[in-house]
């Protein structure tokens, strides 16, 4: 008996001679290098954007923390002075707080509702600014002191 041999279709197609390289190519192609560099550039741009935004927010936060404390320092100084020495003034905070400056505006409070008591009230407005008018913080307080009982 003869045995049947199965022959597949792809076995009937003559195979093309293949070249075998003894040393496969080493290194990267130019396209691979360009793709990897573009991915790195996109990642670095994203990191730089976040970094610059963080620095800007840090500067704002530092001002928003420092300015109220400096304004409180000025108000405390004014509250410890006699009424006769309270007037509009301006200045800076020295080398310790370089770039910060302050200005005060003192006004007498007038109110029909309060009557003669309003004559003893002084409104002290304090403005703390950084680098000219780049960032500005303003607060106002009212001081009560009888004009005849200065201490």
N, C-alpha and C. Protein backbone atom coordinates (compact mmCIF):
# COMPACT_ATOMS: atom_id res chain seq x y z
N UNK A 1 0.79 -1.17 0.00
CA UNK A 1 0.00 0.00 0.00
C UNK A 1 0.84 1.25 0.00
N UNK A 2 0.34 2.13 -0.74
CA UNK A 2 1.03 3.41 -0.81
C UNK A 2 0.43 4.37 0.21
N UNK A 3 1.29 5.10 0.83
CA UNK A 3 0.80 6.10 1.78
C UNK A 3 0.68 7.44 1.07
N UNK A 4 -0.34 8.11 1.42
CA UNK A 4 -0.57 9.43 0.83
C UNK A 4 0.24 10.47 1.58
N UNK A 5 0.87 11.27 0.81
CA UNK A 5 1.65 12.35 1.42
C UNK A 5 0.90 13.65 1.17
N UNK A 6 0.72 14.42 2.21
CA UNK A 6 0.01 15.68 2.08
C UNK A 6 1.01 16.77 1.77
N UNK A 7 0.69 17.52 0.75
CA UNK A 7 1.54 18.63 0.35
C UNK A 7 0.71 19.91 0.48
N UNK A 8 1.22 20.81 1.20
CA UNK A 8 0.51 22.07 1.39
C UNK A 8 0.86 23.04 0.29
N UNK A 9 -0.04 24.03 0.11
CA UNK A 9 0.11 25.00 -0.96
C UNK A 9 1.39 25.81 -0.81
N UNK A 10 1.65 26.29 0.37
CA UNK A 10 2.83 27.14 0.57
C UNK A 10 4.13 26.38 0.44
N UNK A 11 4.04 25.10 0.51
CA UNK A 11 5.25 24.32 0.31
C UNK A 11 5.61 24.23 -1.16
N UNK A 12 4.63 24.46 -2.03
CA UNK A 12 4.90 24.37 -3.46
C UNK A 12 5.52 25.65 -4.00
N UNK A 13 5.38 26.77 -3.29
CA UNK A 13 5.96 28.02 -3.75
C UNK A 13 7.44 27.99 -3.43
N UNK A 14 8.23 28.26 -4.43
CA UNK A 14 9.67 28.23 -4.16
C UNK A 14 10.05 29.41 -3.24
N UNK A 15 10.83 29.12 -2.31
CA UNK A 15 11.24 30.17 -1.38
C UNK A 15 12.35 31.01 -2.00
N UNK A 16 12.31 32.29 -1.65
CA UNK A 16 13.31 33.20 -2.15
C UNK A 16 14.58 33.04 -1.33
N UNK A 17 15.67 33.17 -1.95
CA UNK A 17 16.90 33.04 -1.17
C UNK A 17 17.00 34.21 -0.18
N UNK A 18 17.36 33.94 0.99
CA UNK A 18 17.51 34.98 2.01
C UNK A 18 18.98 35.22 2.28
N UNK A 19 19.26 36.45 2.59
CA UNK A 19 20.63 36.79 2.94
C UNK A 19 20.75 36.71 4.44
N UNK A 20 21.68 36.11 4.86
CA UNK A 20 21.93 36.05 6.29
C UNK A 20 23.14 36.91 6.58
N UNK A 21 22.94 37.78 7.56
CA UNK A 21 24.04 38.65 7.95
C UNK A 21 24.72 38.02 9.15
N UNK A 22 25.98 38.05 9.08
CA UNK A 22 26.70 37.47 10.21
C UNK A 22 26.66 38.41 11.41
N UNK A 23 26.66 39.75 11.18
CA UNK A 23 26.60 40.75 12.26
C UNK A 23 25.34 41.59 12.06
N UNK A 24 24.36 41.46 12.95
CA UNK A 24 23.18 42.32 12.81
C UNK A 24 23.57 43.77 13.09
N UNK A 25 22.86 44.75 12.49
CA UNK A 25 23.24 46.15 12.69
C UNK A 25 23.05 46.56 14.15
N UNK A 26 23.98 47.33 14.66
CA UNK A 26 23.86 47.80 16.04
C UNK A 26 23.59 49.31 16.03
N UNK A 27 22.97 49.82 17.10
CA UNK A 27 22.68 51.25 17.20
C UNK A 27 21.24 51.55 16.83
N UNK A 28 20.95 52.85 16.75
CA UNK A 28 19.59 53.31 16.48
C UNK A 28 19.54 53.98 15.12
N UNK A 29 18.37 53.94 14.53
CA UNK A 29 18.20 54.65 13.26
C UNK A 29 17.92 56.12 13.58
N UNK A 30 18.05 56.95 12.58
CA UNK A 30 17.82 58.38 12.75
C UNK A 30 16.38 58.64 13.17
N UNK A 31 15.45 57.90 12.62
CA UNK A 31 14.04 58.07 12.96
C UNK A 31 13.79 57.75 14.44
N UNK A 32 14.39 56.69 14.93
CA UNK A 32 14.22 56.33 16.35
C UNK A 32 14.79 57.42 17.25
N UNK A 33 15.91 57.99 16.89
CA UNK A 33 16.52 59.06 17.69
C UNK A 33 15.62 60.29 17.68
N UNK A 34 15.09 60.67 16.53
CA UNK A 34 14.23 61.85 16.43
C UNK A 34 12.95 61.68 17.23
N UNK A 35 12.34 60.50 17.18
CA UNK A 35 11.12 60.25 17.95
C UNK A 35 11.41 60.34 19.44
N UNK A 36 12.49 59.73 19.88
CA UNK A 36 12.80 59.76 21.32
C UNK A 36 13.12 61.18 21.78
N UNK A 37 13.82 61.96 20.96
CA UNK A 37 14.11 63.34 21.34
C UNK A 37 12.85 64.19 21.40
N UNK A 38 11.91 63.97 20.51
CA UNK A 38 10.67 64.74 20.55
C UNK A 38 9.85 64.37 21.78
N UNK A 39 9.84 63.13 22.19
CA UNK A 39 9.13 62.73 23.41
C UNK A 39 9.76 63.36 24.63
N UNK A 40 11.08 63.37 24.68
CA UNK A 40 11.79 64.00 25.80
C UNK A 40 11.51 65.51 25.83
N UNK A 41 11.50 66.16 24.66
CA UNK A 41 11.25 67.60 24.59
C UNK A 41 9.85 67.94 25.09
N UNK A 42 8.86 67.15 24.70
CA UNK A 42 7.48 67.39 25.16
C UNK A 42 7.39 67.23 26.67
N UNK A 43 8.03 66.22 27.21
CA UNK A 43 8.01 65.99 28.66
C UNK A 43 8.70 67.14 29.40
N UNK A 44 9.83 67.61 28.89
CA UNK A 44 10.54 68.71 29.54
C UNK A 44 9.76 70.01 29.48
N UNK A 45 9.05 70.27 28.39
CA UNK A 45 8.22 71.47 28.31
C UNK A 45 7.09 71.44 29.33
N UNK A 46 6.50 70.28 29.54
CA UNK A 46 5.44 70.16 30.54
C UNK A 46 6.00 70.40 31.94
N UNK A 47 7.16 69.84 32.22
CA UNK A 47 7.79 70.04 33.53
C UNK A 47 8.16 71.51 33.72
N UNK A 48 8.71 72.15 32.70
CA UNK A 48 9.09 73.56 32.81
C UNK A 48 7.86 74.44 33.04
N UNK A 49 6.76 74.15 32.35
CA UNK A 49 5.52 74.92 32.55
C UNK A 49 5.04 74.84 33.99
N UNK A 50 5.06 73.65 34.56
CA UNK A 50 4.65 73.48 35.95
C UNK A 50 5.62 74.18 36.89
N UNK A 51 6.89 74.13 36.59
CA UNK A 51 7.90 74.74 37.44
C UNK A 51 7.76 76.26 37.48
N UNK A 52 7.57 76.88 36.32
CA UNK A 52 7.44 78.34 36.29
C UNK A 52 6.15 78.78 36.96
N UNK A 53 5.10 78.01 36.82
CA UNK A 53 3.84 78.34 37.49
C UNK A 53 3.99 78.21 39.00
N UNK A 54 4.72 77.23 39.45
CA UNK A 54 4.95 77.04 40.88
C UNK A 54 5.74 78.21 41.46
N UNK A 55 6.73 78.69 40.74
CA UNK A 55 7.52 79.83 41.21
C UNK A 55 6.64 81.06 41.32
N UNK A 56 5.80 81.31 40.33
CA UNK A 56 4.91 82.46 40.36
C UNK A 56 3.94 82.38 41.54
N UNK A 57 3.37 81.20 41.77
CA UNK A 57 2.45 81.03 42.88
C UNK A 57 3.18 81.19 44.21
N UNK A 58 4.42 80.77 44.28
CA UNK A 58 5.20 80.90 45.51
C UNK A 58 5.44 82.37 45.84
N UNK A 59 5.74 83.19 44.84
CA UNK A 59 5.96 84.62 45.04
C UNK A 59 4.68 85.28 45.52
N UNK A 60 3.55 84.94 44.89
CA UNK A 60 2.26 85.50 45.31
C UNK A 60 1.93 85.11 46.75
N UNK A 61 2.15 83.85 47.08
CA UNK A 61 1.84 83.38 48.42
C UNK A 61 2.74 84.04 49.47
N UNK A 62 3.98 84.25 49.13
CA UNK A 62 4.89 84.93 50.06
C UNK A 62 4.40 86.34 50.34
N UNK A 63 3.97 87.06 49.29
CA UNK A 63 3.44 88.42 49.50
C UNK A 63 2.17 88.37 50.32
N UNK A 64 1.26 87.44 50.00
CA UNK A 64 -0.02 87.36 50.72
C UNK A 64 0.16 86.97 52.18
N UNK A 65 1.28 86.40 52.53
CA UNK A 65 1.57 86.08 53.92
C UNK A 65 2.32 87.21 54.61
N UNK A 66 3.26 87.81 53.93
CA UNK A 66 4.12 88.83 54.53
C UNK A 66 3.41 90.18 54.68
N UNK A 67 2.68 90.61 53.68
CA UNK A 67 2.07 91.94 53.69
C UNK A 67 1.13 92.17 54.87
N UNK A 68 0.22 91.25 55.21
CA UNK A 68 -0.63 91.49 56.38
C UNK A 68 0.17 91.60 57.68
N UNK A 69 1.23 90.83 57.81
CA UNK A 69 2.05 90.92 59.02
C UNK A 69 2.77 92.26 59.11
N UNK A 70 3.26 92.75 57.98
CA UNK A 70 3.92 94.06 57.97
C UNK A 70 2.91 95.18 58.24
N UNK A 71 1.70 95.05 57.70
CA UNK A 71 0.66 96.05 57.96
C UNK A 71 0.28 96.05 59.43
N UNK A 72 0.20 94.87 60.04
CA UNK A 72 -0.11 94.78 61.47
C UNK A 72 1.00 95.43 62.30
N UNK A 73 2.22 95.32 61.84
CA UNK A 73 3.35 95.97 62.54
C UNK A 73 3.18 97.49 62.52
N UNK A 74 2.79 98.05 61.37
CA UNK A 74 2.60 99.49 61.25
C UNK A 74 1.42 99.95 62.10
N UNK A 75 0.32 99.20 62.05
CA UNK A 75 -0.87 99.56 62.84
C UNK A 75 -0.54 99.52 64.32
N UNK A 76 0.20 98.50 64.76
CA UNK A 76 0.58 98.42 66.18
C UNK A 76 1.44 99.60 66.58
N UNK A 77 2.33 100.03 65.69
CA UNK A 77 3.16 101.20 65.97
C UNK A 77 2.29 102.45 66.12
N UNK A 78 1.30 102.59 65.24
CA UNK A 78 0.42 103.77 65.30
C UNK A 78 -0.46 103.74 66.53
N UNK A 79 -0.91 102.57 66.94
CA UNK A 79 -1.78 102.48 68.11
C UNK A 79 -1.04 102.80 69.40
N UNK A 80 0.27 102.67 69.41
CA UNK A 80 1.05 102.98 70.61
C UNK A 80 1.49 104.44 70.68
N UNK A 81 1.19 105.22 69.67
CA UNK A 81 1.57 106.62 69.65
C UNK A 81 0.45 107.49 70.26
N UNK A 82 0.84 108.62 70.79
CA UNK A 82 -0.18 109.58 71.21
C UNK A 82 -0.92 110.13 69.99
N UNK A 83 -2.13 110.59 70.20
CA UNK A 83 -2.97 111.06 69.10
C UNK A 83 -2.33 112.22 68.34
N UNK A 84 -1.58 113.07 69.04
CA UNK A 84 -0.96 114.23 68.39
C UNK A 84 0.13 113.82 67.39
N UNK A 85 0.71 112.63 67.56
CA UNK A 85 1.80 112.18 66.68
C UNK A 85 1.31 111.35 65.50
N UNK A 86 0.01 111.15 65.41
CA UNK A 86 -0.52 110.33 64.32
C UNK A 86 -0.79 111.22 63.12
N UNK A 87 -0.14 110.89 61.99
CA UNK A 87 -0.33 111.64 60.75
C UNK A 87 -0.02 110.73 59.57
N UNK A 88 -0.28 111.23 58.38
CA UNK A 88 0.02 110.45 57.17
C UNK A 88 1.54 110.28 57.06
N UNK A 89 1.97 109.07 56.83
CA UNK A 89 3.40 108.79 56.71
C UNK A 89 3.62 107.74 55.64
N UNK A 90 4.88 107.56 55.27
CA UNK A 90 5.25 106.48 54.35
C UNK A 90 6.70 106.10 54.62
N UNK A 91 7.07 104.92 54.17
CA UNK A 91 8.44 104.47 54.37
C UNK A 91 8.62 103.07 53.81
N UNK A 92 9.76 102.48 54.16
CA UNK A 92 10.01 101.10 53.74
C UNK A 92 10.39 100.28 54.97
N UNK A 93 10.59 99.01 54.77
CA UNK A 93 10.88 98.11 55.89
C UNK A 93 12.35 97.75 55.99
N UNK A 94 13.19 98.46 55.29
CA UNK A 94 14.63 98.25 55.38
C UNK A 94 15.10 97.05 54.58
N UNK A 95 16.32 96.64 54.87
CA UNK A 95 16.96 95.55 54.13
C UNK A 95 16.29 94.21 54.41
N UNK A 96 15.73 94.08 55.61
CA UNK A 96 15.10 92.81 55.98
C UNK A 96 13.96 92.44 55.04
N UNK A 97 13.19 93.45 54.60
CA UNK A 97 12.09 93.22 53.66
C UNK A 97 12.30 94.12 52.45
N UNK A 98 13.31 93.79 51.69
CA UNK A 98 13.69 94.58 50.53
C UNK A 98 12.56 94.55 49.48
N UNK A 99 12.21 95.71 48.97
CA UNK A 99 11.17 95.82 47.95
C UNK A 99 9.80 96.15 48.53
N UNK A 100 9.61 95.99 49.84
CA UNK A 100 8.34 96.30 50.48
C UNK A 100 8.35 97.76 50.96
N UNK A 101 7.26 98.46 50.75
CA UNK A 101 7.11 99.81 51.25
C UNK A 101 5.70 99.97 51.83
N UNK A 102 5.52 101.01 52.62
CA UNK A 102 4.23 101.23 53.25
C UNK A 102 3.84 102.70 53.19
N UNK A 103 2.54 102.92 53.32
CA UNK A 103 2.00 104.27 53.33
C UNK A 103 0.76 104.26 54.21
N UNK A 104 0.62 105.28 55.06
CA UNK A 104 -0.55 105.37 55.92
C UNK A 104 -1.34 106.63 55.60
N UNK A 105 -2.64 106.54 55.74
CA UNK A 105 -3.53 107.68 55.59
C UNK A 105 -4.40 107.71 56.84
N UNK A 106 -4.33 108.82 57.58
CA UNK A 106 -5.09 108.97 58.82
C UNK A 106 -6.21 109.98 58.56
N UNK A 107 -7.42 109.56 58.89
CA UNK A 107 -8.59 110.43 58.69
C UNK A 107 -9.43 110.42 59.95
N UNK A 108 -10.11 111.53 60.18
CA UNK A 108 -11.06 111.61 61.28
C UNK A 108 -12.38 111.02 60.79
N UNK A 109 -12.97 110.19 61.61
CA UNK A 109 -14.23 109.56 61.24
C UNK A 109 -15.36 110.52 61.54
N UNK A 110 -16.26 110.65 60.58
CA UNK A 110 -17.45 111.48 60.82
C UNK A 110 -18.68 110.63 60.61
N UNK A 111 -19.59 110.71 61.57
CA UNK A 111 -20.80 109.92 61.50
C UNK A 111 -21.90 110.64 62.27
N UNK A 112 -23.03 110.85 61.61
CA UNK A 112 -24.17 111.48 62.28
C UNK A 112 -24.73 110.53 63.34
N UNK A 113 -24.69 109.27 63.07
CA UNK A 113 -25.25 108.28 63.97
C UNK A 113 -24.48 108.21 65.29
N UNK A 114 -23.16 108.34 65.22
CA UNK A 114 -22.35 108.26 66.43
C UNK A 114 -22.28 109.59 67.18
N UNK A 115 -22.58 110.66 66.53
CA UNK A 115 -22.58 111.97 67.18
C UNK A 115 -21.18 112.41 67.59
N UNK A 116 -21.05 112.88 68.85
CA UNK A 116 -19.78 113.41 69.32
C UNK A 116 -18.73 112.32 69.57
N UNK A 117 -19.16 111.08 69.70
CA UNK A 117 -18.21 109.97 69.88
C UNK A 117 -17.32 109.83 68.65
N UNK A 118 -17.86 110.14 67.48
CA UNK A 118 -17.10 110.02 66.23
C UNK A 118 -15.89 110.95 66.22
N UNK A 119 -15.94 112.03 66.99
CA UNK A 119 -14.80 112.95 67.05
C UNK A 119 -13.57 112.28 67.65
N UNK A 120 -13.77 111.22 68.43
CA UNK A 120 -12.67 110.51 69.08
C UNK A 120 -12.17 109.32 68.26
N UNK A 121 -12.71 109.13 67.08
CA UNK A 121 -12.31 108.00 66.24
C UNK A 121 -11.35 108.46 65.14
N UNK A 122 -10.31 107.69 64.95
CA UNK A 122 -9.35 107.94 63.88
C UNK A 122 -9.31 106.70 62.98
N UNK A 123 -9.47 106.90 61.69
CA UNK A 123 -9.36 105.82 60.72
C UNK A 123 -7.92 105.80 60.20
N UNK A 124 -7.27 104.65 60.35
CA UNK A 124 -5.88 104.50 59.89
C UNK A 124 -5.88 103.50 58.75
N UNK A 125 -5.58 103.96 57.56
CA UNK A 125 -5.48 103.08 56.39
C UNK A 125 -4.02 102.80 56.09
N UNK A 126 -3.68 101.53 55.99
CA UNK A 126 -2.29 101.13 55.73
C UNK A 126 -2.24 100.41 54.39
N UNK A 127 -1.32 100.85 53.54
CA UNK A 127 -1.10 100.20 52.25
C UNK A 127 0.33 99.68 52.22
N UNK A 128 0.47 98.37 52.02
CA UNK A 128 1.78 97.75 51.87
C UNK A 128 1.91 97.34 50.42
N UNK A 129 3.00 97.77 49.78
CA UNK A 129 3.21 97.42 48.37
C UNK A 129 4.56 96.76 48.19
N UNK A 130 4.65 95.99 47.12
CA UNK A 130 5.89 95.27 46.79
C UNK A 130 6.33 95.67 45.40
N UNK A 131 7.61 96.03 45.26
CA UNK A 131 8.18 96.47 43.97
C UNK A 131 7.33 97.56 43.32
N UNK A 132 7.23 98.66 44.00
CA UNK A 132 6.39 99.75 43.49
C UNK A 132 4.95 99.40 43.75
N UNK A 133 4.18 99.24 42.69
CA UNK A 133 2.78 98.85 42.83
C UNK A 133 2.51 97.51 42.16
N UNK A 134 3.53 96.65 42.09
CA UNK A 134 3.34 95.34 41.47
C UNK A 134 2.31 94.51 42.25
N UNK A 135 2.44 94.51 43.57
CA UNK A 135 1.48 93.83 44.44
C UNK A 135 1.15 94.80 45.56
N UNK A 136 -0.14 94.91 45.88
CA UNK A 136 -0.59 95.88 46.87
C UNK A 136 -1.54 95.21 47.85
N UNK A 137 -1.33 95.50 49.15
CA UNK A 137 -2.23 95.04 50.21
C UNK A 137 -2.69 96.27 50.97
N UNK A 138 -4.00 96.36 51.21
CA UNK A 138 -4.54 97.52 51.90
C UNK A 138 -5.42 97.04 53.05
N UNK A 139 -5.27 97.70 54.20
CA UNK A 139 -6.16 97.42 55.32
C UNK A 139 -6.48 98.73 56.02
N UNK A 140 -7.58 98.72 56.76
CA UNK A 140 -8.00 99.93 57.46
C UNK A 140 -8.45 99.53 58.85
N UNK A 141 -8.08 100.33 59.83
CA UNK A 141 -8.50 100.11 61.20
C UNK A 141 -9.00 101.44 61.77
N UNK A 142 -9.81 101.34 62.80
CA UNK A 142 -10.34 102.53 63.45
C UNK A 142 -9.86 102.52 64.89
N UNK A 143 -9.33 103.65 65.33
CA UNK A 143 -8.79 103.78 66.68
C UNK A 143 -9.66 104.74 67.47
N UNK A 144 -10.02 104.33 68.68
CA UNK A 144 -10.81 105.18 69.56
C UNK A 144 -9.91 105.71 70.66
N UNK A 145 -9.86 107.03 70.78
CA UNK A 145 -9.07 107.65 71.83
C UNK A 145 -9.66 109.01 72.15
N UNK A 146 -9.96 109.20 73.38
CA UNK A 146 -10.52 110.49 73.78
C UNK A 146 -9.43 111.56 73.60
N UNK A 147 -9.82 112.64 72.96
CA UNK A 147 -8.82 113.67 72.67
C UNK A 147 -8.28 114.33 73.91
N UNK A 148 -9.01 114.35 74.97
CA UNK A 148 -8.54 114.99 76.19
C UNK A 148 -7.70 114.05 77.04
N UNK A 149 -7.69 112.73 76.74
CA UNK A 149 -6.98 111.75 77.58
C UNK A 149 -5.90 111.05 76.78
N UNK A 150 -5.02 111.78 76.20
CA UNK A 150 -3.94 111.17 75.42
C UNK A 150 -2.93 110.52 76.37
N UNK A 151 -2.43 109.37 75.97
CA UNK A 151 -1.41 108.70 76.80
C UNK A 151 -0.25 108.27 75.97
